[in-house]
């Protein structure tokens, strides 16, 4: 029996797999292809988003992981530079 996750859910599962397992190993090993994956698979930080703990995105092509849930819709000026305690910079 095939399970259909739906397009949005499948993207989320793929993104979590890449950000939680594959990319950190590649970065740790110094693999230059990790930057390619980061640039092409992760979404950049943006306003009007709800970020949850564990969400990994990019900030100027560098991966960052959310450590405190927050909304950039209510606070569009809360960039990762303004709120570094909300993010883990790789």
PDB file of N, CA and C in Angstrom:
ATOM      1  N   UNK A   1       0.841  -1.179   0.000  1.00  0.00           N
ATOM      2  CA  UNK A   1       0.000   0.000   0.000  1.00  0.00           C
ATOM      3  C   UNK A   1       0.885   1.240   0.000  1.00  0.00           C
ATOM      4  N   UNK A   2       0.664   2.143  -0.937  1.00  0.00           N
ATOM      5  CA  UNK A   2       1.412   3.390  -0.998  1.00  0.00           C
ATOM      6  C   UNK A   2       0.760   4.432  -0.109  1.00  0.00           C
ATOM      7  N   UNK A   3       1.604   5.203   0.531  1.00  0.00           N
ATOM      8  CA  UNK A   3       1.102   6.294   1.361  1.00  0.00           C
ATOM      9  C   UNK A   3       1.405   7.599   0.638  1.00  0.00           C
ATOM     10  N   UNK A   4       0.399   8.394   0.413  1.00  0.00           N
ATOM     11  CA  UNK A   4       0.579   9.683  -0.245  1.00  0.00           C
ATOM     12  C   UNK A   4       0.596  10.766   0.818  1.00  0.00           C
ATOM     13  N   UNK A   5       1.740  11.433   0.934  1.00  0.00           N
ATOM     14  CA  UNK A   5       1.904  12.454   1.955  1.00  0.00           C
ATOM     15  C   UNK A   5       1.333  13.801   1.547  1.00  0.00           C
ATOM     16  N   UNK A   6       1.165  14.000   0.292  1.00  0.00           N
ATOM     17  CA  UNK A   6       0.796  15.321  -0.181  1.00  0.00           C
ATOM     18  C   UNK A   6       2.069  16.106  -0.463  1.00  0.00           C
ATOM     19  N   UNK A   7       1.982  16.997  -1.389  1.00  0.00           N
ATOM     20  CA  UNK A   7       3.165  17.728  -1.851  1.00  0.00           C
ATOM     21  C   UNK A   7       3.831  18.520  -0.736  1.00  0.00           C
ATOM     22  N   UNK A   8       3.036  19.247   0.050  1.00  0.00           N
ATOM     23  CA  UNK A   8       3.591  20.070   1.124  1.00  0.00           C
ATOM     24  C   UNK A   8       4.265  19.221   2.202  1.00  0.00           C
ATOM     25  N   UNK A   9       3.609  18.155   2.611  1.00  0.00           N
ATOM     26  CA  UNK A   9       4.164  17.269   3.642  1.00  0.00           C
ATOM     27  C   UNK A   9       5.416  16.560   3.138  1.00  0.00           C
ATOM     28  N   UNK A  10       5.423  16.130   1.889  1.00  0.00           N
ATOM     29  CA  UNK A  10       6.590  15.455   1.321  1.00  0.00           C
ATOM     30  C   UNK A  10       7.788  16.397   1.294  1.00  0.00           C
ATOM     31  N   UNK A  11       7.559  17.669   0.950  1.00  0.00           N
ATOM     32  CA  UNK A  11       8.642  18.645   0.951  1.00  0.00           C
ATOM     33  C   UNK A  11       9.190  18.815   2.362  1.00  0.00           C
ATOM     34  N   UNK A  12       8.285  18.903   3.340  1.00  0.00           N
ATOM     35  CA  UNK A  12       8.700  19.076   4.733  1.00  0.00           C
ATOM     36  C   UNK A  12       9.535  17.882   5.202  1.00  0.00           C
ATOM     37  N   UNK A  13       9.108  16.659   4.882  1.00  0.00           N
ATOM     38  CA  UNK A  13       9.840  15.462   5.284  1.00  0.00           C
ATOM     39  C   UNK A  13      11.221  15.455   4.635  1.00  0.00           C
ATOM     40  N   UNK A  14      11.295  15.782   3.354  1.00  0.00           N
ATOM     41  CA  UNK A  14      12.579  15.827   2.647  1.00  0.00           C
ATOM     42  C   UNK A  14      13.483  16.886   3.262  1.00  0.00           C
ATOM     43  N   UNK A  15      12.925  18.060   3.557  1.00  0.00           N
ATOM     44  CA  UNK A  15      13.717  19.142   4.129  1.00  0.00           C
ATOM     45  C   UNK A  15      14.250  18.758   5.503  1.00  0.00           C
ATOM     46  N   UNK A  16      13.420  18.146   6.341  1.00  0.00           N
ATOM     47  CA  UNK A  16      13.865  17.744   7.674  1.00  0.00           C
ATOM     48  C   UNK A  16      14.947  16.662   7.586  1.00  0.00           C
ATOM     49  N   UNK A  17      14.799  15.733   6.665  1.00  0.00           N
ATOM     50  CA  UNK A  17      15.801  14.686   6.480  1.00  0.00           C
ATOM     51  C   UNK A  17      17.139  15.304   6.095  1.00  0.00           C
ATOM     52  N   UNK A  18      17.094  16.234   5.146  1.00  0.00           N
ATOM     53  CA  UNK A  18      18.329  16.889   4.713  1.00  0.00           C
ATOM     54  C   UNK A  18      18.952  17.711   5.829  1.00  0.00           C
ATOM     55  N   UNK A  19      18.129  18.508   6.509  1.00  0.00           N
ATOM     56  CA  UNK A  19      18.672  19.434   7.500  1.00  0.00           C
ATOM     57  C   UNK A  19      19.053  18.756   8.800  1.00  0.00           C
ATOM     58  N   UNK A  20      18.377  17.696   9.153  1.00  0.00           N
ATOM     59  CA  UNK A  20      18.655  17.050  10.435  1.00  0.00           C
ATOM     60  C   UNK A  20      19.730  15.968  10.343  1.00  0.00           C
ATOM     61  N   UNK A  21      19.923  15.394   9.170  1.00  0.00           N
ATOM     62  CA  UNK A  21      20.836  14.262   9.071  1.00  0.00           C
ATOM     63  C   UNK A  21      21.937  14.457   8.036  1.00  0.00           C
ATOM     64  N   UNK A  22      21.552  14.664   6.809  1.00  0.00           N
ATOM     65  CA  UNK A  22      22.520  14.647   5.716  1.00  0.00           C
ATOM     66  C   UNK A  22      23.440  15.870   5.713  1.00  0.00           C
ATOM     67  N   UNK A  23      22.874  17.058   5.687  1.00  0.00           N
ATOM     68  CA  UNK A  23      23.696  18.269   5.572  1.00  0.00           C
ATOM     69  C   UNK A  23      24.638  18.440   6.766  1.00  0.00           C
ATOM     70  N   UNK A  24      24.195  18.238   8.026  1.00  0.00           N
ATOM     71  CA  UNK A  24      25.154  18.371   9.130  1.00  0.00           C
ATOM     72  C   UNK A  24      26.349  17.423   9.012  1.00  0.00           C
ATOM     73  N   UNK A  25      26.111  16.198   8.546  1.00  0.00           N
ATOM     74  CA  UNK A  25      27.225  15.265   8.348  1.00  0.00           C
ATOM     75  C   UNK A  25      28.172  15.765   7.262  1.00  0.00           C
ATOM     76  N   UNK A  26      27.601  16.287   6.201  1.00  0.00           N
ATOM     77  CA  UNK A  26      28.429  16.798   5.114  1.00  0.00           C
ATOM     78  C   UNK A  26      29.256  17.997   5.569  1.00  0.00           C
ATOM     79  N   UNK A  27      28.620  18.900   6.331  1.00  0.00           N
ATOM     80  CA  UNK A  27      29.340  20.072   6.850  1.00  0.00           C
ATOM     81  C   UNK A  27      30.452  19.631   7.778  1.00  0.00           C
ATOM     82  N   UNK A  28      30.158  18.673   8.648  1.00  0.00           N
ATOM     83  CA  UNK A  28      31.141  18.172   9.601  1.00  0.00           C
ATOM     84  C   UNK A  28      32.342  17.573   8.877  1.00  0.00           C
ATOM     85  N   UNK A  29      32.100  16.907   7.780  1.00  0.00           N
ATOM     86  CA  UNK A  29      33.180  16.274   7.017  1.00  0.00           C
ATOM     87  C   UNK A  29      33.869  17.235   6.049  1.00  0.00           C
ATOM     88  N   UNK A  30      33.357  18.472   5.962  1.00  0.00           N
ATOM     89  CA  UNK A  30      33.955  19.446   5.070  1.00  0.00           C
ATOM     90  C   UNK A  30      33.609  19.235   3.605  1.00  0.00           C
ATOM     91  N   UNK A  31      32.497  18.556   3.347  1.00  0.00           N
ATOM     92  CA  UNK A  31      32.070  18.280   1.977  1.00  0.00           C
ATOM     93  C   UNK A  31      31.592  19.571   1.316  1.00  0.00           C
ATOM     94  N   UNK A  32      32.182  19.942   0.204  1.00  0.00           N
ATOM     95  CA  UNK A  32      31.823  21.180  -0.481  1.00  0.00           C
ATOM     96  C   UNK A  32      30.438  21.109  -1.110  1.00  0.00           C
ATOM     97  N   UNK A  33      29.905  19.921  -1.314  1.00  0.00           N
ATOM     98  CA  UNK A  33      28.557  19.790  -1.868  1.00  0.00           C
ATOM     99  C   UNK A  33      27.477  20.178  -0.869  1.00  0.00           C
ATOM    100  N   UNK A  34      27.826  20.272   0.406  1.00  0.00           N
ATOM    101  CA  UNK A  34      26.846  20.670   1.420  1.00  0.00           C
ATOM    102  C   UNK A  34      26.323  22.065   1.121  1.00  0.00           C
ATOM    103  N   UNK A  35      27.195  22.970   0.690  1.00  0.00           N
ATOM    104  CA  UNK A  35      26.767  24.324   0.372  1.00  0.00           C
ATOM    105  C   UNK A  35      25.784  24.324  -0.784  1.00  0.00           C
ATOM    106  N   UNK A  36      25.995  23.460  -1.766  1.00  0.00           N
ATOM    107  CA  UNK A  36      25.058  23.341  -2.881  1.00  0.00           C
ATOM    108  C   UNK A  36      23.681  22.915  -2.376  1.00  0.00           C
ATOM    109  N   UNK A  37      23.649  21.902  -1.501  1.00  0.00           N
ATOM    110  CA  UNK A  37      22.371  21.442  -0.947  1.00  0.00           C
ATOM    111  C   UNK A  37      21.702  22.540  -0.138  1.00  0.00           C
ATOM    112  N   UNK A  38      22.500  23.246   0.649  1.00  0.00           N
ATOM    113  CA  UNK A  38      21.950  24.317   1.477  1.00  0.00           C
ATOM    114  C   UNK A  38      21.312  25.393   0.605  1.00  0.00           C
ATOM    115  N   UNK A  39      22.005  25.810  -0.434  1.00  0.00           N
ATOM    116  CA  UNK A  39      21.495  26.871  -1.301  1.00  0.00           C
ATOM    117  C   UNK A  39      20.250  26.444  -2.069  1.00  0.00           C
ATOM    118  N   UNK A  40      20.185  25.172  -2.460  1.00  0.00           N
ATOM    119  CA  UNK A  40      19.110  24.733  -3.341  1.00  0.00           C
ATOM    120  C   UNK A  40      17.940  24.045  -2.647  1.00  0.00           C
ATOM    121  N   UNK A  41      18.098  23.613  -1.433  1.00  0.00           N
ATOM    122  CA  UNK A  41      17.025  22.874  -0.769  1.00  0.00           C
ATOM    123  C   UNK A  41      16.370  23.626   0.387  1.00  0.00           C
ATOM    124  N   UNK A  42      17.090  24.523   1.018  1.00  0.00           N
ATOM    125  CA  UNK A  42      16.543  25.232   2.172  1.00  0.00           C
ATOM    126  C   UNK A  42      15.956  26.570   1.753  1.00  0.00           C
ATOM    127  N   UNK A  43      14.890  26.947   2.410  1.00  0.00           N
ATOM    128  CA  UNK A  43      14.252  28.220   2.130  1.00  0.00           C
ATOM    129  C   UNK A  43      14.977  29.341   2.877  1.00  0.00           C
ATOM    130  N   UNK A  44      15.050  30.532   2.293  1.00  0.00           N
ATOM    131  CA  UNK A  44      15.672  31.651   3.006  1.00  0.00           C
ATOM    132  C   UNK A  44      14.726  32.235   4.051  1.00  0.00           C
ATOM    133  N   UNK A  45      15.292  32.924   5.035  1.00  0.00           N
ATOM    134  CA  UNK A  45      14.491  33.611   6.047  1.00  0.00           C
ATOM    135  C   UNK A  45      13.605  34.632   5.358  1.00  0.00           C
ATOM    136  N   UNK A  46      12.383  34.776   5.822  1.00  0.00           N
ATOM    137  CA  UNK A  46      11.489  35.780   5.248  1.00  0.00           C
ATOM    138  C   UNK A  46      10.464  36.230   6.279  1.00  0.00           C
ATOM    139  N   UNK A  47       9.812  37.349   5.982  1.00  0.00           N
ATOM    140  CA  UNK A  47       8.766  37.854   6.865  1.00  0.00           C
ATOM    141  C   UNK A  47       7.480  37.078   6.609  1.00  0.00           C
ATOM    142  N   UNK A  48       6.510  37.256   7.504  1.00  0.00           N
ATOM    143  CA  UNK A  48       5.210  36.583   7.440  1.00  0.00           C
ATOM    144  C   UNK A  48       5.325  35.067   7.523  1.00  0.00           C
ATOM    145  N   UNK A  49       6.247  34.616   8.360  1.00  0.00           N
ATOM    146  CA  UNK A  49       6.436  33.179   8.562  1.00  0.00           C
ATOM    147  C   UNK A  49       6.280  32.844  10.038  1.00  0.00           C
ATOM    148  N   UNK A  50       5.845  31.625  10.307  1.00  0.00           N
ATOM    149  CA  UNK A  50       5.813  31.074  11.662  1.00  0.00           C
ATOM    150  C   UNK A  50       6.953  30.071  11.748  1.00  0.00           C
ATOM    151  N   UNK A  51       7.940  30.371  12.556  1.00  0.00           N
ATOM    152  CA  UNK A  51       9.076  29.458  12.709  1.00  0.00           C
ATOM    153  C   UNK A  51       8.916  28.639  13.984  1.00  0.00           C
ATOM    154  N   UNK A  52       9.121  27.331  13.855  1.00  0.00           N
ATOM    155  CA  UNK A  52       9.026  26.411  14.987  1.00  0.00           C
ATOM    156  C   UNK A  52      10.419  25.927  15.356  1.00  0.00           C
ATOM    157  N   UNK A  53      10.557  25.451  16.572  1.00  0.00           N
ATOM    158  CA  UNK A  53      11.838  24.908  17.015  1.00  0.00           C
ATOM    159  C   UNK A  53      12.228  23.768  16.080  1.00  0.00           C
ATOM    160  N   UNK A  54      13.454  23.808  15.584  1.00  0.00           N
ATOM    161  CA  UNK A  54      13.946  22.775  14.682  1.00  0.00           C
ATOM    162  C   UNK A  54      13.859  23.138  13.217  1.00  0.00           C
ATOM    163  N   UNK A  55      13.099  24.186  12.869  1.00  0.00           N
ATOM    164  CA  UNK A  55      13.040  24.602  11.466  1.00  0.00           C
ATOM    165  C   UNK A  55      14.413  25.108  11.051  1.00  0.00           C
ATOM    166  N   UNK A  56      14.906  24.624   9.931  1.00  0.00           N
ATOM    167  CA  UNK A  56      16.200  25.057   9.417  1.00  0.00           C
ATOM    168  C   UNK A  56      15.986  25.781   8.106  1.00  0.00           C
ATOM    169  N   UNK A  57      16.545  26.969   8.018  1.00  0.00           N
ATOM    170  CA  UNK A  57      16.431  27.826   6.838  1.00  0.00           C
ATOM    171  C   UNK A  57      17.813  28.383   6.535  1.00  0.00           C
ATOM    172  N   UNK A  58      17.891  29.318   5.604  1.00  0.00           N
ATOM    173  CA  UNK A  58      19.172  29.961   5.346  1.00  0.00           C
ATOM    174  C   UNK A  58      19.077  31.453   5.654  1.00  0.00           C
ATOM    175  N   UNK A  59      20.197  32.003   6.059  1.00  0.00           N
ATOM    176  CA  UNK A  59      20.358  33.434   6.273  1.00  0.00           C
ATOM    177  C   UNK A  59      21.644  33.807   5.541  1.00  0.00           C
ATOM    178  N   UNK A  60      21.501  34.511   4.413  1.00  0.00           N
ATOM    179  CA  UNK A  60      22.642  34.823   3.537  1.00  0.00           C
ATOM    180  C   UNK A  60      23.414  33.549   3.160  1.00  0.00           C
ATOM    181  N   UNK A  61      22.645  32.534   2.738  1.00  0.00           N
ATOM    182  CA  UNK A  61      23.172  31.239   2.271  1.00  0.00           C
ATOM    183  C   UNK A  61      23.880  30.426   3.350  1.00  0.00           C
ATOM    184  N   UNK A  62      23.689  30.765   4.601  1.00  0.00           N
ATOM    185  CA  UNK A  62      24.241  29.976   5.702  1.00  0.00           C
ATOM    186  C   UNK A  62      23.064  29.352   6.452  1.00  0.00           C
ATOM    187  N   UNK A  63      23.149  28.074   6.779  1.00  0.00           N
ATOM    188  CA  UNK A  63      22.030  27.429   7.474  1.00  0.00           C
ATOM    189  C   UNK A  63      21.916  27.899   8.920  1.00  0.00           C
ATOM    190  N   UNK A  64      20.685  28.106   9.348  1.00  0.00           N
ATOM    191  CA  UNK A  64      20.391  28.440  10.738  1.00  0.00           C
ATOM    192  C   UNK A  64      19.183  27.613  11.161  1.00  0.00           C
ATOM    193  N   UNK A  65      19.131  27.254  12.445  1.00  0.00           N
ATOM    194  CA  UNK A  65      18.039  26.441  12.966  1.00  0.00           C
ATOM    195  C   UNK A  65      17.338  27.201  14.078  1.00  0.00           C
ATOM    196  N   UNK A  66      16.018  27.227  14.024  1.00  0.00           N
ATOM    197  CA  UNK A  66      15.216  27.945  15.014  1.00  0.00           C
ATOM    198  C   UNK A  66      15.294  27.250  16.371  1.00  0.00           C
ATOM    199  N   UNK A  67      15.530  28.035  17.427  1.00  0.00           N
ATOM    200  CA  UNK A  67      15.585  27.504  18.786  1.00  0.00           C
ATOM    201  C   UNK A  67      14.441  28.006  19.659  1.00  0.00           C
ATOM    202  N   UNK A  68      13.747  29.057  19.201  1.00  0.00           N
ATOM    203  CA  UNK A  68      12.611  29.627  19.932  1.00  0.00           C
ATOM    204  C   UNK A  68      11.491  29.874  18.917  1.00  0.00           C
ATOM    205  N   UNK A  69      10.297  29.316  19.138  1.00  0.00           N
ATOM    206  CA  UNK A  69       9.219  29.547  18.174  1.00  0.00           C
ATOM    207  C   UNK A  69       8.825  31.026  18.153  1.00  0.00           C
ATOM    208  N   UNK A  70       8.604  31.554  16.947  1.00  0.00           N
ATOM    209  CA  UNK A  70       8.216  32.955  16.817  1.00  0.00           C
ATOM    210  C   UNK A  70       7.613  33.213  15.441  1.00  0.00           C
ATOM    211  N   UNK A  71       6.989  34.385  15.321  1.00  0.00           N
ATOM    212  CA  UNK A  71       6.353  34.783  14.069  1.00  0.00           C
ATOM    213  C   UNK A  71       7.036  36.027  13.527  1.00  0.00           C
ATOM    214  N   UNK A  72       7.424  35.981  12.262  1.00  0.00           N
ATOM    215  CA  UNK A  72       7.984  37.180  11.643  1.00  0.00           C
ATOM    216  C   UNK A  72       6.891  38.024  11.002  1.00  0.00           C
ATOM    217  N   UNK A  73       5.654  37.537  11.029  1.00  0.00           N
ATOM    218  CA  UNK A  73       4.535  38.345  10.556  1.00  0.00           C
ATOM    219  C   UNK A  73       4.189  39.418  11.574  1.00  0.00           C
ATOM    220  N   UNK A  74       4.219  39.051  12.844  1.00  0.00           N
ATOM    221  CA  UNK A  74       3.927  40.010  13.918  1.00  0.00           C
ATOM    222  C   UNK A  74       5.111  40.926  14.177  1.00  0.00           C
ATOM    223  N   UNK A  75       6.312  40.424  13.926  1.00  0.00           N
ATOM    224  CA  UNK A  75       7.539  41.168  14.194  1.00  0.00           C
ATOM    225  C   UNK A  75       8.487  41.044  12.996  1.00  0.00           C
ATOM    226  N   UNK A  76       8.207  41.753  11.900  1.00  0.00           N
ATOM    227  CA  UNK A  76       9.042  41.601  10.704  1.00  0.00           C
ATOM    228  C   UNK A  76      10.481  42.082  10.880  1.00  0.00           C
ATOM    229  N   UNK A  77      10.726  42.857  11.922  1.00  0.00           N
ATOM    230  CA  UNK A  77      12.091  43.338  12.153  1.00  0.00           C
ATOM    231  C   UNK A  77      12.913  42.363  12.984  1.00  0.00           C
ATOM    232  N   UNK A  78      12.328  41.231  13.390  1.00  0.00           N
ATOM    233  CA  UNK A  78      13.061  40.232  14.171  1.00  0.00           C
ATOM    234  C   UNK A  78      13.885  39.342  13.245  1.00  0.00           C
ATOM    235  N   UNK A  79      14.877  39.906  12.645  1.00  0.00           N
ATOM    236  CA  UNK A  79      15.766  39.136  11.773  1.00  0.00           C
ATOM    237  C   UNK A  79      16.705  38.301  12.640  1.00  0.00           C
ATOM    238  N   UNK A  80      17.360  37.313  12.060  1.00  0.00           N
ATOM    239  CA  UNK A  80      18.318  36.529  12.840  1.00  0.00           C
ATOM    240  C   UNK A  80      19.442  37.372  13.456  1.00  0.00           C
ATOM    241  N   UNK A  81      19.791  38.489  12.827  1.00  0.00           N
ATOM    242  CA  UNK A  81      20.825  39.349  13.417  1.00  0.00           C
ATOM    243  C   UNK A  81      20.319  40.104  14.639  1.00  0.00           C
ATOM    244  N   UNK A  82      19.037  40.453  14.642  1.00  0.00           N
ATOM    245  CA  UNK A  82      18.437  41.173  15.770  1.00  0.00           C
ATOM    246  C   UNK A  82      18.122  40.214  16.915  1.00  0.00           C
ATOM    247  N   UNK A  83      17.741  38.985  16.587  1.00  0.00           N
ATOM    248  CA  UNK A  83      17.351  38.001  17.600  1.00  0.00           C
ATOM    249  C   UNK A  83      18.230  36.753  17.505  1.00  0.00           C
ATOM    250  N   UNK A  84      19.524  36.858  17.756  1.00  0.00           N
ATOM    251  CA  UNK A  84      20.399  35.685  17.616  1.00  0.00           C
ATOM    252  C   UNK A  84      20.078  34.567  18.607  1.00  0.00           C
ATOM    253  N   UNK A  85      19.424  34.914  19.733  1.00  0.00           N
ATOM    254  CA  UNK A  85      19.067  33.877  20.699  1.00  0.00           C
ATOM    255  C   UNK A  85      17.946  32.973  20.189  1.00  0.00           C
ATOM    256  N   UNK A  86      17.280  33.368  19.109  1.00  0.00           N
ATOM    257  CA  UNK A  86      16.219  32.555  18.511  1.00  0.00           C
ATOM    258  C   UNK A  86      16.748  31.555  17.489  1.00  0.00           C
ATOM    259  N   UNK A  87      18.048  31.634  17.188  1.00  0.00           N
ATOM    260  CA  UNK A  87      18.612  30.834  16.114  1.00  0.00           C
ATOM    261  C   UNK A  87      19.924  30.184  16.529  1.00  0.00           C
ATOM    262  N   UNK A  88      20.152  29.001  15.982  1.00  0.00           N
ATOM    263  CA  UNK A  88      21.460  28.346  16.107  1.00  0.00           C
ATOM    264  C   UNK A  88      22.136  28.497  14.753  1.00  0.00           C
ATOM    265  N   UNK A  89      23.248  29.227  14.723  1.00  0.00           N
ATOM    266  CA  UNK A  89      23.990  29.435  13.481  1.00  0.00           C
ATOM    267  C   UNK A  89      24.978  28.288  13.335  1.00  0.00           C
ATOM    268  N   UNK A  90      24.967  27.612  12.193  1.00  0.00           N
ATOM    269  CA  UNK A  90      25.859  26.464  11.968  1.00  0.00           C
ATOM    270  C   UNK A  90      27.278  26.923  11.835  1.00  0.00           C
TER     271      UNK A  90
END
